[in-house]
Amino acid sequence: MNIFEPNKILQSYKDFDIDDFRKRGYKTILLDVDNTITPYYQKTPDEEARAFVKRLKDAGFEVIVYSNNTNKRVSSTAKTIECEYVCWAFKPLPFKCWSLLKKKGFDKKTTLCMGDQLITDVLCGKLAGIYAIYVKPISEVDSFNTSVNRFFERLIFKYVLHEKV
């Protein structure tokens, strides 16, 4: 299995089938923020993103914001959607993910991650041994670091996964 290959690809976080994943036994979602549910340049999630997270929680999911961004950025986002968070996650390295799973008593088999980058979000999920969902970015505007990743991501999609984004 290819470590860059997501278990599922979604056009948008809005396409996440809450009932299906709940019925399949998933309980925990490690949710990336920037360009997954909110454009990276937007300070807080909009009403639609807040409603999505509320639906997840109402369905019984434990939602944890899991981001490589700063404490200031991640904590304000997490506060807006009333979730716990992990900042400076060092994705794609799985160590903080494993630590979180152990600390919270989460099972890898019932945990999934959702994010907009193959090189950080999907790879971290695959290395950590959890279900990885790739969500196409909601904005074409990225930070400098992410724009570098996007270059390599396009190559991975084209030459490794044989898909075009």
N, C-alpha and C. Protein backbone atom coordinates (compact mmCIF):
# COMPACT_ATOMS: atom_id res chain seq x y z
N MET A 1 0.84 -1.18 0.00
CA MET A 1 0.00 0.00 0.00
C MET A 1 0.89 1.25 0.00
N ASN A 2 0.50 2.21 -0.77
CA ASN A 2 1.25 3.45 -0.88
C ASN A 2 0.99 4.33 0.33
N ILE A 3 2.06 4.81 0.97
CA ILE A 3 1.87 5.62 2.17
C ILE A 3 1.28 6.99 1.88
N PHE A 4 1.28 7.41 0.62
CA PHE A 4 0.66 8.68 0.27
C PHE A 4 -0.80 8.52 -0.17
N GLU A 5 -1.24 7.28 -0.31
CA GLU A 5 -2.58 7.06 -0.83
C GLU A 5 -3.63 7.19 0.28
N PRO A 6 -4.49 8.19 0.17
CA PRO A 6 -5.53 8.34 1.19
C PRO A 6 -6.51 7.17 1.14
N ASN A 7 -7.11 6.88 2.25
CA ASN A 7 -8.16 5.87 2.28
C ASN A 7 -9.40 6.38 1.54
N LYS A 8 -9.58 7.69 1.55
CA LYS A 8 -10.73 8.30 0.88
C LYS A 8 -10.34 9.71 0.44
N ILE A 9 -10.87 10.12 -0.71
CA ILE A 9 -10.68 11.48 -1.21
C ILE A 9 -12.05 12.14 -1.29
N LEU A 10 -12.13 13.33 -0.72
CA LEU A 10 -13.37 14.11 -0.75
C LEU A 10 -13.15 15.42 -1.48
N GLN A 11 -14.15 15.87 -2.20
CA GLN A 11 -14.07 17.18 -2.85
C GLN A 11 -14.10 18.31 -1.82
N SER A 12 -14.77 18.06 -0.70
CA SER A 12 -14.94 19.06 0.35
C SER A 12 -15.21 18.34 1.66
N TYR A 13 -14.90 18.99 2.77
CA TYR A 13 -15.25 18.41 4.06
C TYR A 13 -16.77 18.20 4.15
N LYS A 14 -17.52 18.98 3.41
CA LYS A 14 -18.99 18.87 3.42
C LYS A 14 -19.46 17.54 2.87
N ASP A 15 -18.60 16.84 2.13
CA ASP A 15 -18.96 15.54 1.55
C ASP A 15 -18.71 14.38 2.51
N PHE A 16 -18.21 14.66 3.69
CA PHE A 16 -17.96 13.62 4.68
C PHE A 16 -19.30 13.05 5.13
N ASP A 17 -19.48 11.75 4.97
CA ASP A 17 -20.74 11.08 5.32
C ASP A 17 -20.70 10.69 6.79
N ILE A 18 -21.23 11.56 7.62
CA ILE A 18 -21.18 11.37 9.06
C ILE A 18 -21.83 10.05 9.47
N ASP A 19 -23.01 9.78 8.95
CA ASP A 19 -23.72 8.55 9.32
C ASP A 19 -22.95 7.29 8.92
N ASP A 20 -22.38 7.29 7.72
CA ASP A 20 -21.63 6.13 7.26
C ASP A 20 -20.44 5.85 8.17
N PHE A 21 -19.66 6.87 8.49
CA PHE A 21 -18.48 6.65 9.32
C PHE A 21 -18.87 6.29 10.76
N ARG A 22 -19.95 6.84 11.25
CA ARG A 22 -20.43 6.48 12.58
C ARG A 22 -20.85 5.01 12.60
N LYS A 23 -21.58 4.58 11.57
CA LYS A 23 -22.03 3.18 11.47
C LYS A 23 -20.85 2.22 11.33
N ARG A 24 -19.77 2.71 10.72
CA ARG A 24 -18.58 1.88 10.55
C ARG A 24 -17.73 1.82 11.81
N GLY A 25 -18.16 2.52 12.85
CA GLY A 25 -17.49 2.43 14.14
C GLY A 25 -16.49 3.51 14.46
N TYR A 26 -16.35 4.50 13.59
CA TYR A 26 -15.40 5.57 13.88
C TYR A 26 -15.96 6.48 14.96
N LYS A 27 -15.05 6.91 15.86
CA LYS A 27 -15.47 7.72 17.00
C LYS A 27 -14.69 9.02 17.14
N THR A 28 -13.48 9.05 16.58
CA THR A 28 -12.59 10.18 16.78
C THR A 28 -12.12 10.73 15.44
N ILE A 29 -12.12 12.05 15.32
CA ILE A 29 -11.63 12.70 14.10
C ILE A 29 -10.55 13.71 14.47
N LEU A 30 -9.37 13.51 13.90
CA LEU A 30 -8.29 14.50 14.01
C LEU A 30 -8.44 15.39 12.79
N LEU A 31 -8.87 16.60 13.02
CA LEU A 31 -9.28 17.50 11.94
C LEU A 31 -8.27 18.61 11.73
N ASP A 32 -7.72 18.67 10.54
CA ASP A 32 -6.86 19.78 10.16
C ASP A 32 -7.75 21.00 9.94
N VAL A 33 -7.16 22.17 10.00
CA VAL A 33 -7.96 23.40 9.87
C VAL A 33 -7.68 24.12 8.56
N ASP A 34 -6.45 24.61 8.42
CA ASP A 34 -6.10 25.48 7.30
C ASP A 34 -6.32 24.80 5.96
N ASN A 35 -7.21 25.38 5.19
CA ASN A 35 -7.60 24.91 3.85
C ASN A 35 -8.29 23.55 3.85
N THR A 36 -8.66 23.08 5.04
CA THR A 36 -9.50 21.89 5.15
C THR A 36 -10.93 22.33 5.45
N ILE A 37 -11.11 23.08 6.55
CA ILE A 37 -12.43 23.62 6.86
C ILE A 37 -12.46 25.15 6.83
N THR A 38 -11.30 25.75 6.74
CA THR A 38 -11.17 27.21 6.74
C THR A 38 -10.00 27.62 5.85
N PRO A 39 -10.18 28.63 5.00
CA PRO A 39 -9.01 29.12 4.26
C PRO A 39 -7.92 29.55 5.25
N TYR A 40 -6.67 29.31 4.91
CA TYR A 40 -5.60 29.58 5.87
C TYR A 40 -5.53 31.05 6.27
N TYR A 41 -6.00 31.95 5.41
CA TYR A 41 -5.94 33.39 5.69
C TYR A 41 -7.14 33.88 6.51
N GLN A 42 -8.10 33.02 6.76
CA GLN A 42 -9.29 33.39 7.53
C GLN A 42 -9.04 33.06 8.99
N LYS A 43 -9.35 33.98 9.89
CA LYS A 43 -9.00 33.79 11.30
C LYS A 43 -9.79 32.70 12.00
N THR A 44 -11.06 32.58 11.68
CA THR A 44 -11.88 31.57 12.34
C THR A 44 -12.79 30.88 11.32
N PRO A 45 -13.23 29.68 11.64
CA PRO A 45 -14.13 28.97 10.73
C PRO A 45 -15.45 29.73 10.53
N ASP A 46 -15.98 29.65 9.33
CA ASP A 46 -17.25 30.31 9.06
C ASP A 46 -18.40 29.48 9.64
N GLU A 47 -19.60 29.99 9.48
CA GLU A 47 -20.79 29.34 10.05
C GLU A 47 -20.97 27.91 9.53
N GLU A 48 -20.70 27.72 8.24
CA GLU A 48 -20.84 26.38 7.65
C GLU A 48 -19.89 25.37 8.29
N ALA A 49 -18.65 25.78 8.49
CA ALA A 49 -17.65 24.90 9.12
C ALA A 49 -18.02 24.64 10.58
N ARG A 50 -18.47 25.68 11.28
CA ARG A 50 -18.89 25.49 12.68
C ARG A 50 -20.08 24.52 12.76
N ALA A 51 -21.01 24.65 11.82
CA ALA A 51 -22.17 23.75 11.80
C ALA A 51 -21.74 22.32 11.51
N PHE A 52 -20.77 22.15 10.62
CA PHE A 52 -20.26 20.81 10.30
C PHE A 52 -19.67 20.15 11.54
N VAL A 53 -18.83 20.88 12.26
CA VAL A 53 -18.21 20.32 13.46
C VAL A 53 -19.29 20.02 14.51
N LYS A 54 -20.27 20.87 14.63
CA LYS A 54 -21.37 20.61 15.57
C LYS A 54 -22.11 19.33 15.20
N ARG A 55 -22.36 19.11 13.90
CA ARG A 55 -23.02 17.87 13.46
C ARG A 55 -22.17 16.65 13.81
N LEU A 56 -20.86 16.78 13.63
CA LEU A 56 -19.95 15.68 14.01
C LEU A 56 -20.09 15.36 15.49
N LYS A 57 -20.03 16.38 16.31
CA LYS A 57 -20.11 16.18 17.76
C LYS A 57 -21.49 15.67 18.17
N ASP A 58 -22.53 16.20 17.56
CA ASP A 58 -23.89 15.72 17.85
C ASP A 58 -24.07 14.26 17.48
N ALA A 59 -23.31 13.79 16.49
CA ALA A 59 -23.37 12.38 16.07
C ALA A 59 -22.51 11.49 16.96
N GLY A 60 -21.82 12.10 17.92
CA GLY A 60 -21.04 11.32 18.87
C GLY A 60 -19.55 11.27 18.61
N PHE A 61 -19.08 12.00 17.60
CA PHE A 61 -17.65 12.02 17.32
C PHE A 61 -16.91 12.91 18.30
N GLU A 62 -15.74 12.48 18.69
CA GLU A 62 -14.81 13.33 19.42
C GLU A 62 -13.98 14.01 18.34
N VAL A 63 -14.03 15.32 18.29
CA VAL A 63 -13.31 16.08 17.27
C VAL A 63 -12.15 16.81 17.93
N ILE A 64 -10.96 16.59 17.41
CA ILE A 64 -9.78 17.27 17.92
C ILE A 64 -9.10 17.96 16.75
N VAL A 65 -8.91 19.26 16.90
CA VAL A 65 -8.19 20.02 15.88
C VAL A 65 -6.74 19.59 15.98
N TYR A 66 -6.19 19.16 14.85
CA TYR A 66 -4.84 18.61 14.82
C TYR A 66 -4.07 19.33 13.72
N SER A 67 -3.17 20.23 14.11
CA SER A 67 -2.57 21.13 13.14
C SER A 67 -1.09 21.35 13.38
N ASN A 68 -0.39 21.67 12.31
CA ASN A 68 1.01 22.06 12.40
C ASN A 68 1.16 23.55 12.72
N ASN A 69 0.08 24.26 12.78
CA ASN A 69 0.14 25.70 12.96
C ASN A 69 0.44 26.06 14.42
N THR A 70 0.54 27.35 14.67
CA THR A 70 0.92 27.88 15.98
C THR A 70 -0.20 27.73 17.01
N ASN A 71 0.18 27.83 18.26
CA ASN A 71 -0.80 27.78 19.34
C ASN A 71 -1.85 28.88 19.19
N LYS A 72 -1.41 30.08 18.85
CA LYS A 72 -2.34 31.20 18.70
C LYS A 72 -3.41 30.89 17.65
N ARG A 73 -2.97 30.44 16.50
CA ARG A 73 -3.90 30.13 15.40
C ARG A 73 -4.82 28.97 15.76
N VAL A 74 -4.24 27.89 16.24
CA VAL A 74 -5.00 26.67 16.48
C VAL A 74 -5.94 26.82 17.67
N SER A 75 -5.48 27.47 18.73
CA SER A 75 -6.34 27.61 19.92
C SER A 75 -7.55 28.49 19.62
N SER A 76 -7.37 29.55 18.84
CA SER A 76 -8.53 30.41 18.53
C SER A 76 -9.54 29.67 17.66
N THR A 77 -9.04 28.87 16.73
CA THR A 77 -9.94 28.07 15.88
C THR A 77 -10.67 27.04 16.73
N ALA A 78 -9.93 26.33 17.57
CA ALA A 78 -10.52 25.29 18.41
C ALA A 78 -11.55 25.89 19.37
N LYS A 79 -11.26 27.05 19.89
CA LYS A 79 -12.21 27.71 20.79
C LYS A 79 -13.51 28.03 20.05
N THR A 80 -13.39 28.50 18.82
CA THR A 80 -14.56 28.85 18.01
C THR A 80 -15.46 27.65 17.77
N ILE A 81 -14.86 26.48 17.56
CA ILE A 81 -15.66 25.28 17.29
C ILE A 81 -15.77 24.37 18.51
N GLU A 82 -15.29 24.87 19.65
CA GLU A 82 -15.42 24.19 20.93
C GLU A 82 -14.86 22.77 20.90
N CYS A 83 -13.57 22.69 20.54
CA CYS A 83 -12.88 21.40 20.46
C CYS A 83 -11.54 21.49 21.16
N GLU A 84 -11.06 20.34 21.57
CA GLU A 84 -9.68 20.26 22.03
C GLU A 84 -8.78 20.41 20.81
N TYR A 85 -7.50 20.65 21.06
CA TYR A 85 -6.59 20.84 19.92
C TYR A 85 -5.18 20.40 20.25
N VAL A 86 -4.46 20.14 19.17
CA VAL A 86 -3.02 19.89 19.22
C VAL A 86 -2.41 20.83 18.19
N CYS A 87 -1.50 21.69 18.64
CA CYS A 87 -0.78 22.56 17.71
C CYS A 87 0.64 22.03 17.57
N TRP A 88 1.37 22.59 16.63
CA TRP A 88 2.74 22.12 16.38
C TRP A 88 2.77 20.59 16.35
N ALA A 89 1.89 20.00 15.57
CA ALA A 89 1.75 18.54 15.52
C ALA A 89 2.93 17.85 14.83
N PHE A 90 3.72 18.59 14.11
CA PHE A 90 4.89 18.06 13.38
C PHE A 90 4.50 16.98 12.39
N LYS A 91 3.31 17.14 11.78
CA LYS A 91 2.93 16.21 10.71
C LYS A 91 3.92 16.35 9.57
N PRO A 92 4.37 15.31 8.97
CA PRO A 92 3.81 13.97 8.92
C PRO A 92 4.31 13.02 10.01
N LEU A 93 5.18 13.46 10.88
CA LEU A 93 5.67 12.54 11.91
C LEU A 93 4.51 12.10 12.79
N PRO A 94 4.42 10.82 13.09
CA PRO A 94 3.25 10.30 13.82
C PRO A 94 3.36 10.35 15.35
N PHE A 95 4.47 10.83 15.88
CA PHE A 95 4.73 10.71 17.31
C PHE A 95 3.70 11.43 18.18
N LYS A 96 3.33 12.66 17.82
CA LYS A 96 2.32 13.37 18.61
C LYS A 96 0.97 12.70 18.47
N CYS A 97 0.70 12.15 17.31
CA CYS A 97 -0.55 11.44 17.09
C CYS A 97 -0.62 10.21 18.00
N TRP A 98 0.44 9.42 18.01
CA TRP A 98 0.47 8.24 18.88
C TRP A 98 0.32 8.65 20.35
N SER A 99 1.00 9.72 20.73
CA SER A 99 0.93 10.20 22.11
C SER A 99 -0.49 10.62 22.47
N LEU A 100 -1.14 11.32 21.56
CA LEU A 100 -2.53 11.75 21.78
C LEU A 100 -3.45 10.54 21.92
N LEU A 101 -3.31 9.57 21.02
CA LEU A 101 -4.15 8.37 21.06
C LEU A 101 -3.98 7.65 22.40
N LYS A 102 -2.75 7.53 22.84
CA LYS A 102 -2.48 6.84 24.10
C LYS A 102 -3.04 7.63 25.28
N LYS A 103 -2.77 8.92 25.31
CA LYS A 103 -3.21 9.79 26.41
C LYS A 103 -4.72 9.79 26.56
N LYS A 104 -5.43 9.86 25.44
CA LYS A 104 -6.89 9.95 25.46
C LYS A 104 -7.57 8.58 25.44
N GLY A 105 -6.79 7.51 25.25
CA GLY A 105 -7.37 6.17 25.21
C GLY A 105 -8.13 5.89 23.92
N PHE A 106 -7.74 6.54 22.83
CA PHE A 106 -8.39 6.34 21.54
C PHE A 106 -7.81 5.11 20.85
N ASP A 107 -8.65 4.41 20.14
CA ASP A 107 -8.24 3.24 19.38
C ASP A 107 -7.92 3.67 17.95
N LYS A 108 -6.81 3.21 17.41
CA LYS A 108 -6.45 3.52 16.02
C LYS A 108 -7.54 3.10 15.06
N LYS A 109 -8.20 1.98 15.37
CA LYS A 109 -9.21 1.44 14.46
C LYS A 109 -10.48 2.29 14.40
N THR A 110 -10.67 3.16 15.38
CA THR A 110 -11.88 3.99 15.40
C THR A 110 -11.54 5.49 15.26
N THR A 111 -10.31 5.76 14.86
CA THR A 111 -9.84 7.14 14.70
C THR A 111 -9.53 7.39 13.23
N LEU A 112 -9.87 8.58 12.78
CA LEU A 112 -9.50 8.97 11.42
C LEU A 112 -8.96 10.39 11.44
N CYS A 113 -8.22 10.71 10.39
CA CYS A 113 -7.74 12.08 10.24
C CYS A 113 -8.27 12.62 8.93
N MET A 114 -8.46 13.92 8.90
CA MET A 114 -8.98 14.57 7.70
C MET A 114 -8.17 15.85 7.48
N GLY A 115 -7.61 15.97 6.26
CA GLY A 115 -6.84 17.15 5.96
C GLY A 115 -6.64 17.34 4.47
N ASP A 116 -6.08 18.49 4.12
CA ASP A 116 -5.97 18.90 2.72
C ASP A 116 -4.60 18.68 2.10
N GLN A 117 -3.69 18.02 2.80
CA GLN A 117 -2.35 17.81 2.25
C GLN A 117 -1.93 16.34 2.32
N LEU A 118 -1.43 15.84 1.21
CA LEU A 118 -0.91 14.47 1.19
C LEU A 118 0.34 14.35 2.05
N ILE A 119 1.23 15.34 1.93
CA ILE A 119 2.55 15.25 2.53
C ILE A 119 2.52 15.45 4.05
N THR A 120 1.49 16.08 4.57
CA THR A 120 1.40 16.25 6.02
C THR A 120 0.27 15.39 6.59
N ASP A 121 -0.95 15.70 6.23
CA ASP A 121 -2.12 15.07 6.85
C ASP A 121 -2.25 13.59 6.53
N VAL A 122 -2.25 13.26 5.25
CA VAL A 122 -2.44 11.87 4.85
C VAL A 122 -1.25 11.01 5.28
N LEU A 123 -0.06 11.49 5.03
CA LEU A 123 1.12 10.73 5.40
C LEU A 123 1.17 10.49 6.92
N CYS A 124 0.83 11.50 7.70
CA CYS A 124 0.80 11.34 9.15
C CYS A 124 -0.20 10.25 9.54
N GLY A 125 -1.39 10.32 8.97
CA GLY A 125 -2.40 9.31 9.27
C GLY A 125 -1.94 7.91 8.91
N LYS A 126 -1.36 7.78 7.73
CA LYS A 126 -0.89 6.46 7.29
C LYS A 126 0.23 5.94 8.20
N LEU A 127 1.18 6.81 8.54
CA LEU A 127 2.28 6.40 9.41
C LEU A 127 1.78 6.06 10.82
N ALA A 128 0.75 6.77 11.26
CA ALA A 128 0.19 6.53 12.60
C ALA A 128 -0.71 5.29 12.62
N GLY A 129 -1.10 4.81 11.45
CA GLY A 129 -1.94 3.63 11.38
C GLY A 129 -3.43 3.92 11.51
N ILE A 130 -3.84 5.14 11.14
CA ILE A 130 -5.26 5.48 11.21
C ILE A 130 -5.79 5.78 9.81
N TYR A 131 -7.09 5.76 9.67
CA TYR A 131 -7.78 6.01 8.41
C TYR A 131 -7.52 7.47 8.01
N ALA A 132 -7.07 7.69 6.78
CA ALA A 132 -6.69 9.03 6.33
C ALA A 132 -7.59 9.51 5.19
N ILE A 133 -8.21 10.65 5.41
CA ILE A 133 -9.08 11.25 4.41
C ILE A 133 -8.43 12.51 3.87
N TYR A 134 -8.29 12.55 2.56
CA TYR A 134 -7.77 13.74 1.88
C TYR A 134 -8.97 14.57 1.42
N VAL A 135 -8.97 15.83 1.81
CA VAL A 135 -10.00 16.77 1.39
C VAL A 135 -9.34 17.79 0.47
N LYS A 136 -9.89 17.96 -0.71
CA LYS A 136 -9.30 18.94 -1.61
C LYS A 136 -9.34 20.32 -0.96
N PRO A 137 -8.27 21.10 -1.11
CA PRO A 137 -8.18 22.39 -0.43
C PRO A 137 -9.35 23.31 -0.80
N ILE A 138 -9.85 24.05 0.19
CA ILE A 138 -10.98 24.94 -0.07
C ILE A 138 -10.54 26.29 -0.62
N SER A 139 -9.24 26.52 -0.63
CA SER A 139 -8.71 27.77 -1.18
C SER A 139 -7.46 27.46 -1.98
N GLU A 140 -7.25 28.21 -3.04
CA GLU A 140 -6.01 28.05 -3.81
C GLU A 140 -4.88 28.87 -3.22
N VAL A 141 -5.19 29.71 -2.25
CA VAL A 141 -4.19 30.54 -1.60
C VAL A 141 -3.62 29.76 -0.42
N ASP A 142 -2.30 29.62 -0.40
CA ASP A 142 -1.62 28.87 0.65
C ASP A 142 -0.50 29.70 1.25
N SER A 143 -0.07 29.29 2.43
CA SER A 143 1.14 29.87 2.99
C SER A 143 2.32 29.43 2.13
N PHE A 144 3.47 30.07 2.31
CA PHE A 144 4.64 29.72 1.50
C PHE A 144 5.00 28.24 1.69
N ASN A 145 5.08 27.79 2.95
CA ASN A 145 5.46 26.39 3.22
C ASN A 145 4.51 25.42 2.54
N THR A 146 3.23 25.72 2.62
CA THR A 146 2.25 24.82 2.01
C THR A 146 2.35 24.84 0.49
N SER A 147 2.65 25.99 -0.07
CA SER A 147 2.77 26.06 -1.54
C SER A 147 3.93 25.20 -2.03
N VAL A 148 4.99 25.09 -1.25
CA VAL A 148 6.09 24.20 -1.59
C VAL A 148 5.60 22.75 -1.55
N ASN A 149 4.87 22.41 -0.50
CA ASN A 149 4.30 21.05 -0.39
C ASN A 149 3.37 20.74 -1.55
N ARG A 150 2.61 21.74 -2.00
CA ARG A 150 1.65 21.52 -3.09
C ARG A 150 2.37 21.11 -4.38
N PHE A 151 3.54 21.68 -4.62
CA PHE A 151 4.32 21.30 -5.80
C PHE A 151 4.60 19.80 -5.77
N PHE A 152 5.12 19.32 -4.65
CA PHE A 152 5.44 17.90 -4.52
C PHE A 152 4.17 17.05 -4.50
N GLU A 153 3.12 17.59 -3.92
CA GLU A 153 1.84 16.88 -3.88
C GLU A 153 1.31 16.62 -5.29
N ARG A 154 1.41 17.62 -6.16
CA ARG A 154 0.96 17.43 -7.55
C ARG A 154 1.76 16.31 -8.23
N LEU A 155 3.05 16.26 -7.96
CA LEU A 155 3.88 15.18 -8.53
C LEU A 155 3.45 13.81 -7.98
N ILE A 156 3.16 13.76 -6.71
CA ILE A 156 2.72 12.49 -6.11
C ILE A 156 1.40 12.06 -6.72
N PHE A 157 0.46 12.99 -6.84
CA PHE A 157 -0.83 12.64 -7.44
C PHE A 157 -0.64 12.14 -8.88
N LYS A 158 0.20 12.81 -9.63
CA LYS A 158 0.36 12.46 -11.04
C LYS A 158 1.17 11.19 -11.24
N TYR A 159 2.31 11.08 -10.60
CA TYR A 159 3.22 9.98 -10.91
C TYR A 159 3.14 8.79 -9.95
N VAL A 160 2.66 9.00 -8.76
CA VAL A 160 2.57 7.89 -7.80
C VAL A 160 1.14 7.37 -7.71
N LEU A 161 0.20 8.29 -7.56
CA LEU A 161 -1.21 7.88 -7.42
C LEU A 161 -1.94 7.86 -8.76
N HIS A 162 -1.31 8.38 -9.80
CA HIS A 162 -1.87 8.41 -11.15
C HIS A 162 -3.23 9.09 -11.22
N GLU A 163 -3.33 10.17 -10.47
CA GLU A 163 -4.54 10.98 -10.49
C GLU A 163 -4.15 12.43 -10.69
N LYS A 164 -5.06 13.19 -11.22
CA LYS A 164 -4.83 14.61 -11.36
C LYS A 164 -5.76 15.35 -10.42
N VAL A 165 -5.23 16.35 -9.76
CA VAL A 165 -6.02 17.16 -8.84
C VAL A 165 -6.37 18.46 -9.51
